[in-house]
Amino acid sequence: MKTRYLLSLALVGATLSACATSTGVDSLADGAKNSPNDNGQIVAGTVEVKATRPNLTLRNTTEAVIGYMVVDSEMATVALYPPCDERCPQIVQGASATVPYPSIAGYTNTSKAAIVMWWTYRRGADGVLRPDTGGVQTARVTL
């Protein structure tokens, strides 16, 4: 058990490090250029998650920019909010991002499901996006 816990902590650390650098995940940050149409096809309220091997597709249908992190469902996670501040991959309103299965933290060829954690950002008076205080939402998806 102790070994699995330490391995899980190491994987979380590696994931957070990846969020701060290159993630291998498409990140969309310019709504004007990346929204599917003028209103971004926004159906306010959630993030749609679809698994189509070998990728997950995340679609932001909220009215805010979101940050996200995806982990294997068998991987224990430490509750961090937000896990990587504004350095996490982001999806603007109405846009989508593709997450290749190998980019899922803890993913193996035997993985059966993943957990998508997401949260909203608010732009401060200084123009910087900061995590909102609404907490982290989760969605479980079968791979």
N, C-alpha and C. Protein backbone atom coordinates (compact mmCIF):
# COMPACT_ATOMS: atom_id res chain seq x y z
N MET A 1 0.83 -1.20 0.00
CA MET A 1 0.00 0.00 0.00
C MET A 1 0.87 1.25 0.00
N LYS A 2 1.93 1.24 0.85
CA LYS A 2 2.80 2.41 0.93
C LYS A 2 3.47 2.66 -0.42
N THR A 3 3.89 1.59 -1.10
CA THR A 3 4.53 1.74 -2.41
C THR A 3 3.56 2.34 -3.42
N ARG A 4 2.30 1.87 -3.41
CA ARG A 4 1.30 2.41 -4.34
C ARG A 4 1.03 3.88 -4.04
N TYR A 5 0.98 4.23 -2.74
CA TYR A 5 0.76 5.63 -2.36
C TYR A 5 1.90 6.50 -2.86
N LEU A 6 3.15 6.04 -2.65
CA LEU A 6 4.31 6.81 -3.10
C LEU A 6 4.33 6.92 -4.62
N LEU A 7 3.98 5.83 -5.31
CA LEU A 7 3.91 5.87 -6.77
C LEU A 7 2.86 6.87 -7.22
N SER A 8 1.71 6.87 -6.55
CA SER A 8 0.65 7.82 -6.90
C SER A 8 1.11 9.25 -6.71
N LEU A 9 1.81 9.52 -5.60
CA LEU A 9 2.33 10.86 -5.36
C LEU A 9 3.34 11.25 -6.44
N ALA A 10 4.19 10.30 -6.84
CA ALA A 10 5.16 10.59 -7.89
C ALA A 10 4.45 10.91 -9.20
N LEU A 11 3.39 10.16 -9.52
CA LEU A 11 2.64 10.42 -10.75
C LEU A 11 1.95 11.78 -10.70
N VAL A 12 1.41 12.14 -9.54
CA VAL A 12 0.79 13.46 -9.41
C VAL A 12 1.83 14.54 -9.61
N GLY A 13 3.02 14.35 -9.01
CA GLY A 13 4.10 15.32 -9.18
C GLY A 13 4.49 15.46 -10.63
N ALA A 14 4.61 14.33 -11.33
CA ALA A 14 4.97 14.37 -12.75
C ALA A 14 3.88 15.06 -13.56
N THR A 15 2.62 14.81 -13.21
CA THR A 15 1.51 15.44 -13.91
C THR A 15 1.52 16.95 -13.71
N LEU A 16 1.74 17.38 -12.48
CA LEU A 16 1.78 18.81 -12.21
C LEU A 16 2.94 19.47 -12.93
N SER A 17 4.05 18.76 -12.99
CA SER A 17 5.20 19.28 -13.72
C SER A 17 4.87 19.41 -15.20
N ALA A 18 4.16 18.41 -15.73
CA ALA A 18 3.77 18.46 -17.15
C ALA A 18 2.80 19.61 -17.41
N CYS A 19 1.91 19.88 -16.45
CA CYS A 19 0.98 21.01 -16.62
C CYS A 19 1.74 22.32 -16.69
N ALA A 20 2.85 22.41 -15.97
CA ALA A 20 3.62 23.65 -15.94
C ALA A 20 4.48 23.80 -17.19
N THR A 21 4.72 22.69 -17.91
CA THR A 21 5.55 22.76 -19.11
C THR A 21 4.73 22.25 -20.29
N SER A 22 5.31 21.39 -21.09
CA SER A 22 4.61 20.85 -22.25
C SER A 22 3.69 19.73 -21.82
N THR A 23 2.44 19.75 -22.24
CA THR A 23 1.48 18.75 -21.80
C THR A 23 1.17 17.70 -22.84
N GLY A 24 1.47 17.94 -24.08
CA GLY A 24 1.06 17.00 -25.12
C GLY A 24 -0.44 17.09 -25.38
N VAL A 25 -1.09 18.10 -24.83
CA VAL A 25 -2.53 18.28 -24.97
C VAL A 25 -2.77 19.60 -25.65
N ASP A 26 -3.73 19.63 -26.57
CA ASP A 26 -4.06 20.88 -27.24
C ASP A 26 -4.63 21.85 -26.22
N SER A 27 -4.12 23.07 -26.20
CA SER A 27 -4.63 24.10 -25.31
C SER A 27 -5.13 25.25 -26.16
N LEU A 28 -6.36 25.68 -25.89
CA LEU A 28 -6.95 26.75 -26.66
C LEU A 28 -7.14 27.96 -25.77
N ALA A 29 -6.58 29.09 -26.16
CA ALA A 29 -6.69 30.26 -25.29
C ALA A 29 -7.23 31.50 -25.97
N ASP A 30 -7.53 31.45 -27.25
CA ASP A 30 -8.03 32.63 -27.93
C ASP A 30 -9.42 32.35 -28.48
N GLY A 31 -10.44 32.78 -27.76
CA GLY A 31 -11.82 32.49 -28.13
C GLY A 31 -12.21 33.01 -29.49
N ALA A 32 -11.73 34.18 -29.86
CA ALA A 32 -12.12 34.77 -31.14
C ALA A 32 -11.67 33.90 -32.30
N LYS A 33 -10.48 33.31 -32.20
CA LYS A 33 -9.97 32.51 -33.31
C LYS A 33 -10.41 31.05 -33.24
N ASN A 34 -10.72 30.53 -32.04
CA ASN A 34 -10.94 29.11 -31.89
C ASN A 34 -12.37 28.68 -31.63
N SER A 35 -13.29 29.60 -31.35
CA SER A 35 -14.67 29.21 -31.13
C SER A 35 -15.28 28.76 -32.45
N PRO A 36 -16.12 27.72 -32.42
CA PRO A 36 -16.71 27.21 -33.65
C PRO A 36 -17.55 28.23 -34.41
N ASN A 37 -18.19 29.17 -33.73
CA ASN A 37 -18.94 30.22 -34.41
C ASN A 37 -19.02 31.43 -33.48
N ASP A 38 -19.81 32.44 -33.86
CA ASP A 38 -19.85 33.68 -33.09
C ASP A 38 -20.19 33.48 -31.62
N ASN A 39 -21.15 32.62 -31.31
CA ASN A 39 -21.51 32.42 -29.90
C ASN A 39 -20.78 31.24 -29.28
N GLY A 40 -19.89 30.60 -30.04
CA GLY A 40 -19.13 29.47 -29.52
C GLY A 40 -19.97 28.24 -29.26
N GLN A 41 -21.21 28.21 -29.73
CA GLN A 41 -22.14 27.10 -29.49
C GLN A 41 -22.21 26.78 -28.00
N ILE A 42 -22.25 27.80 -27.18
CA ILE A 42 -22.24 27.62 -25.74
C ILE A 42 -23.61 27.19 -25.24
N VAL A 43 -23.63 26.11 -24.49
CA VAL A 43 -24.80 25.64 -23.78
C VAL A 43 -24.36 25.63 -22.33
N ALA A 44 -24.44 26.79 -21.70
CA ALA A 44 -23.79 27.06 -20.42
C ALA A 44 -23.94 25.95 -19.40
N GLY A 45 -22.84 25.70 -18.69
CA GLY A 45 -22.94 24.88 -17.52
C GLY A 45 -21.97 23.74 -17.32
N THR A 46 -21.42 23.14 -18.34
CA THR A 46 -20.61 21.96 -18.09
C THR A 46 -19.52 21.78 -19.14
N VAL A 47 -18.78 20.69 -18.98
CA VAL A 47 -17.77 20.29 -19.96
C VAL A 47 -18.19 18.93 -20.48
N GLU A 48 -18.32 18.81 -21.79
CA GLU A 48 -18.67 17.53 -22.40
C GLU A 48 -17.40 16.73 -22.59
N VAL A 49 -17.44 15.44 -22.24
CA VAL A 49 -16.28 14.57 -22.38
C VAL A 49 -16.69 13.36 -23.20
N LYS A 50 -15.93 13.08 -24.27
CA LYS A 50 -16.23 11.95 -25.14
C LYS A 50 -14.95 11.16 -25.37
N ALA A 51 -15.03 9.84 -25.19
CA ALA A 51 -13.88 8.97 -25.43
C ALA A 51 -14.07 8.25 -26.76
N THR A 52 -13.12 8.45 -27.66
CA THR A 52 -13.08 7.76 -28.94
C THR A 52 -11.64 7.36 -29.14
N ARG A 53 -11.34 6.10 -28.86
CA ARG A 53 -9.97 5.62 -28.88
C ARG A 53 -9.25 6.09 -30.13
N PRO A 54 -8.07 6.69 -30.03
CA PRO A 54 -7.17 6.78 -28.88
C PRO A 54 -7.19 8.16 -28.20
N ASN A 55 -8.30 8.89 -28.24
CA ASN A 55 -8.34 10.24 -27.67
C ASN A 55 -9.59 10.47 -26.83
N LEU A 56 -9.48 11.42 -25.91
CA LEU A 56 -10.63 12.02 -25.25
C LEU A 56 -10.86 13.36 -25.93
N THR A 57 -12.10 13.76 -26.07
CA THR A 57 -12.41 15.10 -26.55
C THR A 57 -13.16 15.81 -25.45
N LEU A 58 -12.65 16.97 -25.06
CA LEU A 58 -13.28 17.80 -24.04
C LEU A 58 -13.87 19.02 -24.74
N ARG A 59 -15.12 19.36 -24.44
CA ARG A 59 -15.75 20.54 -25.04
C ARG A 59 -16.28 21.43 -23.93
N ASN A 60 -15.84 22.66 -23.93
CA ASN A 60 -16.24 23.63 -22.92
C ASN A 60 -17.57 24.27 -23.32
N THR A 61 -18.64 23.94 -22.60
CA THR A 61 -19.94 24.57 -22.86
C THR A 61 -20.32 25.52 -21.74
N THR A 62 -19.33 25.97 -20.98
CA THR A 62 -19.59 26.96 -19.93
C THR A 62 -19.46 28.36 -20.53
N GLU A 63 -19.69 29.36 -19.72
CA GLU A 63 -19.54 30.74 -20.15
C GLU A 63 -18.20 31.32 -19.74
N ALA A 64 -17.26 30.46 -19.34
CA ALA A 64 -15.95 30.91 -18.87
C ALA A 64 -14.85 30.05 -19.47
N VAL A 65 -13.64 30.57 -19.49
CA VAL A 65 -12.47 29.77 -19.83
C VAL A 65 -12.33 28.73 -18.73
N ILE A 66 -11.98 27.48 -19.10
CA ILE A 66 -11.76 26.46 -18.08
C ILE A 66 -10.33 25.96 -18.14
N GLY A 67 -9.86 25.45 -17.03
CA GLY A 67 -8.61 24.71 -16.98
C GLY A 67 -8.98 23.26 -16.74
N TYR A 68 -8.10 22.33 -17.09
CA TYR A 68 -8.43 20.93 -16.88
C TYR A 68 -7.20 20.09 -16.64
N MET A 69 -7.42 18.91 -16.08
CA MET A 69 -6.39 17.91 -15.84
C MET A 69 -7.07 16.56 -15.94
N VAL A 70 -6.44 15.58 -16.58
CA VAL A 70 -7.04 14.27 -16.77
C VAL A 70 -6.12 13.22 -16.14
N VAL A 71 -6.69 12.34 -15.30
CA VAL A 71 -5.92 11.28 -14.66
C VAL A 71 -6.65 9.95 -14.82
N ASP A 72 -5.89 8.86 -14.79
CA ASP A 72 -6.46 7.53 -14.80
C ASP A 72 -7.32 7.36 -13.55
N SER A 73 -8.45 6.68 -13.67
CA SER A 73 -9.37 6.55 -12.54
C SER A 73 -8.79 5.71 -11.41
N GLU A 74 -7.79 4.88 -11.69
CA GLU A 74 -7.17 4.05 -10.65
C GLU A 74 -6.06 4.78 -9.91
N MET A 75 -5.73 5.96 -10.36
CA MET A 75 -4.63 6.70 -9.74
C MET A 75 -5.16 7.55 -8.59
N ALA A 76 -4.60 7.35 -7.43
CA ALA A 76 -4.99 8.18 -6.28
C ALA A 76 -4.50 9.60 -6.53
N THR A 77 -5.32 10.57 -6.18
CA THR A 77 -4.92 11.96 -6.39
C THR A 77 -4.95 12.71 -5.08
N VAL A 78 -4.12 13.69 -4.98
CA VAL A 78 -4.09 14.57 -3.83
C VAL A 78 -4.96 15.77 -4.17
N ALA A 79 -5.82 16.19 -3.27
CA ALA A 79 -6.72 17.31 -3.53
C ALA A 79 -5.94 18.62 -3.57
N LEU A 80 -5.75 19.13 -4.74
CA LEU A 80 -5.09 20.40 -4.95
C LEU A 80 -6.02 21.28 -5.77
N TYR A 81 -6.18 22.52 -5.38
CA TYR A 81 -7.02 23.40 -6.18
C TYR A 81 -6.37 24.75 -6.31
N PRO A 82 -6.24 25.21 -7.50
CA PRO A 82 -6.23 24.40 -8.72
C PRO A 82 -4.91 23.68 -8.79
N PRO A 83 -4.83 22.58 -9.51
CA PRO A 83 -3.60 21.79 -9.50
C PRO A 83 -2.40 22.49 -10.14
N CYS A 84 -2.63 23.46 -11.00
CA CYS A 84 -1.48 24.11 -11.65
C CYS A 84 -1.78 25.56 -12.04
N ASP A 85 -2.63 26.23 -11.28
CA ASP A 85 -2.95 27.63 -11.52
C ASP A 85 -3.30 27.89 -12.99
N GLU A 86 -2.79 28.99 -13.53
CA GLU A 86 -3.08 29.34 -14.92
C GLU A 86 -2.18 28.61 -15.91
N ARG A 87 -1.28 27.74 -15.42
CA ARG A 87 -0.39 27.00 -16.31
C ARG A 87 -1.03 25.75 -16.88
N CYS A 88 -2.16 25.32 -16.34
CA CYS A 88 -2.84 24.13 -16.87
C CYS A 88 -3.37 24.42 -18.26
N PRO A 89 -3.59 23.37 -19.05
CA PRO A 89 -4.22 23.58 -20.35
C PRO A 89 -5.57 24.25 -20.15
N GLN A 90 -5.95 25.08 -21.10
CA GLN A 90 -7.21 25.82 -21.01
C GLN A 90 -8.03 25.62 -22.28
N ILE A 91 -9.33 25.75 -22.13
CA ILE A 91 -10.24 25.70 -23.28
C ILE A 91 -11.17 26.90 -23.16
N VAL A 92 -11.25 27.69 -24.21
CA VAL A 92 -12.15 28.85 -24.19
C VAL A 92 -13.59 28.40 -24.40
N GLN A 93 -14.50 29.32 -24.16
CA GLN A 93 -15.92 29.05 -24.29
C GLN A 93 -16.26 28.53 -25.68
N GLY A 94 -16.99 27.41 -25.73
CA GLY A 94 -17.45 26.86 -26.99
C GLY A 94 -16.43 26.06 -27.77
N ALA A 95 -15.19 26.00 -27.32
CA ALA A 95 -14.13 25.30 -28.05
C ALA A 95 -13.91 23.90 -27.47
N SER A 96 -13.11 23.10 -28.18
CA SER A 96 -12.80 21.73 -27.77
C SER A 96 -11.30 21.52 -27.73
N ALA A 97 -10.88 20.48 -27.01
CA ALA A 97 -9.48 20.08 -26.97
C ALA A 97 -9.43 18.56 -27.04
N THR A 98 -8.37 18.04 -27.63
CA THR A 98 -8.17 16.60 -27.74
C THR A 98 -7.06 16.19 -26.80
N VAL A 99 -7.31 15.13 -26.03
CA VAL A 99 -6.33 14.60 -25.09
C VAL A 99 -6.01 13.17 -25.51
N PRO A 100 -4.83 12.93 -26.09
CA PRO A 100 -4.45 11.56 -26.45
C PRO A 100 -4.38 10.69 -25.19
N TYR A 101 -4.84 9.45 -25.26
CA TYR A 101 -4.81 8.58 -24.09
C TYR A 101 -3.44 8.55 -23.41
N PRO A 102 -2.32 8.44 -24.15
CA PRO A 102 -1.02 8.41 -23.47
C PRO A 102 -0.71 9.67 -22.66
N SER A 103 -1.43 10.77 -22.89
CA SER A 103 -1.22 12.00 -22.11
C SER A 103 -2.00 12.02 -20.80
N ILE A 104 -2.86 11.02 -20.60
CA ILE A 104 -3.62 10.93 -19.35
C ILE A 104 -2.66 10.48 -18.25
N ALA A 105 -2.59 11.24 -17.16
CA ALA A 105 -1.70 10.90 -16.06
C ALA A 105 -2.04 9.51 -15.52
N GLY A 106 -1.04 8.63 -15.45
CA GLY A 106 -1.24 7.28 -14.93
C GLY A 106 -1.79 6.29 -15.94
N TYR A 107 -2.00 6.71 -17.18
CA TYR A 107 -2.60 5.84 -18.20
C TYR A 107 -1.68 4.66 -18.52
N THR A 108 -2.29 3.47 -18.64
CA THR A 108 -1.60 2.28 -19.15
C THR A 108 -2.52 1.64 -20.19
N ASN A 109 -2.01 0.65 -20.89
CA ASN A 109 -2.83 -0.04 -21.89
C ASN A 109 -4.01 -0.78 -21.27
N THR A 110 -3.97 -0.99 -19.94
CA THR A 110 -5.07 -1.68 -19.26
C THR A 110 -6.04 -0.71 -18.59
N SER A 111 -5.84 0.58 -18.76
CA SER A 111 -6.73 1.58 -18.14
C SER A 111 -8.15 1.43 -18.68
N LYS A 112 -9.11 1.50 -17.79
CA LYS A 112 -10.52 1.33 -18.15
C LYS A 112 -11.30 2.65 -18.13
N ALA A 113 -10.85 3.62 -17.33
CA ALA A 113 -11.59 4.88 -17.20
C ALA A 113 -10.62 5.99 -16.82
N ALA A 114 -11.09 7.22 -17.01
CA ALA A 114 -10.29 8.40 -16.63
C ALA A 114 -11.21 9.38 -15.90
N ILE A 115 -10.59 10.22 -15.11
CA ILE A 115 -11.30 11.29 -14.41
C ILE A 115 -10.83 12.61 -15.01
N VAL A 116 -11.77 13.41 -15.49
CA VAL A 116 -11.45 14.75 -15.99
C VAL A 116 -11.81 15.73 -14.88
N MET A 117 -10.82 16.46 -14.40
CA MET A 117 -11.05 17.51 -13.41
C MET A 117 -11.02 18.84 -14.14
N TRP A 118 -11.97 19.71 -13.87
CA TRP A 118 -12.00 21.01 -14.55
C TRP A 118 -12.52 22.08 -13.61
N TRP A 119 -12.15 23.30 -13.89
CA TRP A 119 -12.53 24.46 -13.08
C TRP A 119 -12.59 25.67 -13.99
N THR A 120 -13.26 26.71 -13.55
CA THR A 120 -13.36 27.92 -14.37
C THR A 120 -12.33 28.96 -13.93
N TYR A 121 -12.05 29.86 -14.85
CA TYR A 121 -11.16 30.99 -14.60
C TYR A 121 -11.95 32.29 -14.72
N ARG A 122 -11.50 33.29 -14.04
CA ARG A 122 -12.03 34.66 -14.18
C ARG A 122 -10.85 35.57 -14.50
N ARG A 123 -11.08 36.53 -15.37
CA ARG A 123 -10.03 37.47 -15.73
C ARG A 123 -10.03 38.61 -14.71
N GLY A 124 -8.88 38.87 -14.11
CA GLY A 124 -8.75 39.94 -13.14
C GLY A 124 -8.65 41.30 -13.81
N ALA A 125 -8.67 42.35 -13.02
CA ALA A 125 -8.55 43.72 -13.54
C ALA A 125 -7.24 43.91 -14.29
N ASP A 126 -6.23 43.11 -13.93
CA ASP A 126 -4.93 43.20 -14.59
C ASP A 126 -4.89 42.40 -15.89
N GLY A 127 -6.01 41.75 -16.25
CA GLY A 127 -6.07 40.99 -17.49
C GLY A 127 -5.62 39.54 -17.37
N VAL A 128 -5.18 39.14 -16.19
CA VAL A 128 -4.67 37.78 -15.98
C VAL A 128 -5.81 36.85 -15.57
N LEU A 129 -5.85 35.66 -16.20
CA LEU A 129 -6.84 34.65 -15.82
C LEU A 129 -6.40 34.01 -14.51
N ARG A 130 -7.35 33.91 -13.57
CA ARG A 130 -7.08 33.25 -12.29
C ARG A 130 -8.21 32.27 -12.02
N PRO A 131 -7.89 31.14 -11.36
CA PRO A 131 -8.94 30.18 -11.03
C PRO A 131 -10.05 30.83 -10.21
N ASP A 132 -11.28 30.52 -10.58
CA ASP A 132 -12.44 31.00 -9.84
C ASP A 132 -12.53 30.22 -8.53
N THR A 133 -13.33 30.70 -7.62
CA THR A 133 -13.44 30.05 -6.31
C THR A 133 -14.51 28.96 -6.29
N GLY A 134 -15.02 28.58 -7.44
CA GLY A 134 -16.09 27.58 -7.51
C GLY A 134 -15.66 26.15 -7.27
N GLY A 135 -14.37 25.88 -7.15
CA GLY A 135 -13.89 24.53 -6.91
C GLY A 135 -13.72 23.73 -8.18
N VAL A 136 -13.35 22.47 -7.99
CA VAL A 136 -13.07 21.57 -9.10
C VAL A 136 -14.28 20.68 -9.36
N GLN A 137 -14.69 20.58 -10.61
CA GLN A 137 -15.75 19.67 -11.04
C GLN A 137 -15.07 18.43 -11.61
N THR A 138 -15.76 17.30 -11.59
CA THR A 138 -15.17 16.08 -12.14
C THR A 138 -16.16 15.38 -13.06
N ALA A 139 -15.60 14.67 -14.02
CA ALA A 139 -16.39 13.82 -14.92
C ALA A 139 -15.61 12.53 -15.11
N ARG A 140 -16.27 11.39 -14.93
CA ARG A 140 -15.64 10.09 -15.14
C ARG A 140 -16.04 9.62 -16.54
N VAL A 141 -15.07 9.10 -17.28
CA VAL A 141 -15.34 8.63 -18.64
C VAL A 141 -14.70 7.25 -18.84
N THR A 142 -15.47 6.34 -19.42
CA THR A 142 -14.95 5.02 -19.74
C THR A 142 -14.08 5.12 -20.98
N LEU A 143 -12.89 4.52 -20.91
CA LEU A 143 -11.96 4.59 -22.05
C LEU A 143 -12.23 3.45 -23.02
